Every structure is written in C-alpha cells, then in structure tokens.
Protein backbone atom coordinates (compact mmCIF):
# COMPACT_ATOMS: atom_id res chain seq x y z
CA MET A 1 -0.09 0.05 -0.09
CA THR A 2 1.22 3.62 -0.71
CA GLY A 3 0.90 7.00 0.61
CA PRO A 4 -0.59 9.99 -1.06
CA GLY A 5 -1.08 9.84 -4.78
CA LYS A 6 -0.93 12.67 -7.15
CA SER A 7 -4.44 13.45 -6.97
CA GLY A 8 -3.67 15.45 -3.85
CA LEU A 9 -5.85 13.14 -1.60
CA SER A 10 -4.29 11.72 1.40
CA PRO A 11 -5.41 8.44 3.10
CA PRO A 12 -7.13 8.90 6.45
CA THR A 13 -5.11 9.63 9.29
CA GLY A 14 -7.22 7.77 11.76
CA ASP A 15 -7.16 10.25 14.51
CA ALA A 16 -9.09 7.65 16.80
CA PRO A 17 -7.64 7.18 20.26
CA GLY A 18 -4.82 4.44 20.61
CA ASN A 19 -3.73 4.36 16.94
CA GLY A 20 -0.76 6.46 17.39
CA GLY A 21 -1.99 8.70 14.52
CA ALA A 22 -0.63 6.50 12.12
CA PRO A 23 -2.37 6.60 8.68
CA ALA A 24 -4.91 3.80 8.09
CA TRP A 25 -2.99 2.30 5.04
CA GLU A 26 0.12 2.12 7.25
CA ARG A 27 -1.68 0.40 10.17
CA LEU A 28 -3.25 -2.08 7.72
CA GLY A 29 0.03 -3.02 6.14
CA ARG A 30 1.48 -3.70 9.72
CA PHE A 31 -1.40 -5.62 10.62
CA ALA A 32 -0.99 -7.81 7.50
CA GLU A 33 2.83 -8.23 8.03
CA ARG A 34 2.26 -9.46 11.72
CA ARG A 35 0.23 -12.23 10.38
CA GLY A 36 2.60 -13.16 7.87
CA MET A 37 0.81 -11.68 4.89
CA MET A 38 1.86 -9.21 2.28
CA PRO A 39 -0.48 -6.37 2.15
CA LEU A 40 -1.77 -7.46 -1.24
CA GLU A 41 -2.60 -10.87 0.18
CA PHE A 42 -4.46 -9.29 3.05
CA ALA A 43 -6.43 -7.01 0.65
CA LEU A 44 -7.19 -9.67 -2.03
CA GLY A 45 -6.80 -12.98 -0.40
CA ARG A 46 -4.07 -15.59 -0.85
CA GLU A 47 -5.61 -17.28 -3.55
CA ALA A 48 -6.45 -14.44 -5.57
CA VAL A 49 -2.61 -13.28 -5.06
CA ARG A 50 -1.37 -16.71 -6.28
CA ARG A 51 -3.85 -16.46 -9.43
CA TYR A 52 -2.49 -12.78 -9.97
CA GLU A 53 1.08 -13.97 -9.73
CA ALA A 54 0.88 -16.91 -11.86
CA ALA A 55 -0.98 -14.92 -14.51
CA LEU A 56 1.72 -12.06 -14.24
CA GLY A 57 4.47 -14.82 -14.86
CA ARG A 58 2.66 -15.69 -18.15
CA LEU A 59 2.74 -12.14 -19.54
CA ARG A 60 5.32 -11.12 -21.98
CA PRO A 61 8.11 -9.06 -20.26
CA ARG A 62 6.86 -5.61 -21.40
CA ASP A 63 3.28 -6.25 -20.42
CA ARG A 64 4.59 -7.56 -16.98
CA GLN A 65 6.83 -4.43 -16.54
CA ALA A 66 3.64 -2.16 -17.54
CA VAL A 67 1.39 -3.96 -14.87
CA LEU A 68 4.22 -4.09 -12.16
CA GLY A 69 5.28 -0.34 -12.82
CA ARG A 70 1.83 1.20 -12.66
CA ILE A 71 -0.08 -1.08 -10.14
CA GLU A 72 2.53 -2.20 -7.53
CA LEU A 73 5.04 0.45 -7.77
CA GLN A 74 2.49 3.09 -8.70
CA TRP A 75 4.65 4.92 -11.21
CA SER A 76 3.18 7.86 -13.23
CA TYR A 77 2.48 7.23 -16.70
CA GLY A 78 5.48 9.55 -17.57
CA GLU A 79 7.93 7.38 -15.27
CA LEU A 80 6.30 4.37 -17.09
CA ALA A 81 6.69 5.89 -20.53
CA GLU A 82 10.68 6.22 -19.78
CA ALA A 83 10.89 2.75 -18.52
CA LEU A 84 9.14 1.12 -21.28
CA GLY A 85 11.04 3.35 -23.89
CA VAL A 86 7.90 5.12 -25.26
CA ARG A 87 7.39 8.63 -26.28
CA THR A 88 4.45 9.77 -24.28
CA ALA A 89 2.58 9.17 -21.08
CA GLU A 90 -0.60 8.33 -23.08
CA THR A 91 1.25 5.70 -25.00
CA ALA A 92 2.28 4.29 -21.47
CA ARG A 93 -1.28 4.50 -20.29
CA ALA A 94 -2.49 2.53 -23.47
CA SER A 95 0.19 0.03 -22.92
CA VAL A 96 -1.07 -0.69 -19.30
CA ILE A 97 -4.62 -0.86 -20.32
CA ARG A 98 -3.72 -3.53 -22.94
CA ALA A 99 -1.33 -5.32 -20.51
CA LEU A 100 -4.23 -5.19 -17.68
CA GLY A 101 -6.74 -6.89 -20.22
CA ARG A 102 -4.15 -9.84 -21.16
CA LEU A 103 -3.63 -9.86 -17.28
CA VAL A 104 -7.28 -10.47 -16.56
CA GLU A 105 -7.47 -13.08 -19.54
CA ALA A 106 -4.63 -14.78 -18.09
CA MET A 107 -6.11 -14.98 -14.48
CA SER A 108 -9.24 -16.48 -15.97
CA GLU A 109 -7.37 -19.51 -17.46
C-alpha cells in the first residue's frame, strides 16, 4: 500500500484514540505483516494473489513491466513511459490498459 497519490488526496490519518496517529494504510500494512501476509494478500486473499502472480508470470515481459510499474510501484504514466521506452505518457497508459486486459485473461485460465 502506498501513501498520498498525485490526486492531492491523502489517506485518512485515523485520529481515533490508541492508534498513534498512523495513517490507516500504514496500520493495515503492519496488521497484515504481523500475520505473515503481504498487504496485497491481506487485501485480496491468498488464492487471488496466487492467481495474480501466476498470470503475471505468463505475461510478456513488457506487459509484466507495465502492470508492475503502474499497479505495484505506482509509477506515473510519465515514469512508465521512460521505463518502457515509449515517447508519451498517453502511450504508456494505453500499454497498461492492454497489459491489464491480458492479465485478466490470464487470470481466467
């Protein structure tokens, strides 16, 4: 899980007593880790993560890089364009959309 995004929105700080003022996303990450789970496993469930990882492994390297860069690393489309070696952020966005479609298909197999 990550912190604030480019939208300018920040995750709730969870000012409730007893939480130490840590953001909710940070507390959930620690909660999952204490149970031996990655935050993604906690959010989706272990079986879904297993299917996701297996499908990701079946993607072409460029599609895998597009998915990992955008979804897991939360790179901007500009950063992703540079990593993928494409000219524009819009081209990178289109690459991510196509890669996600292939990922969904692979997860359905």
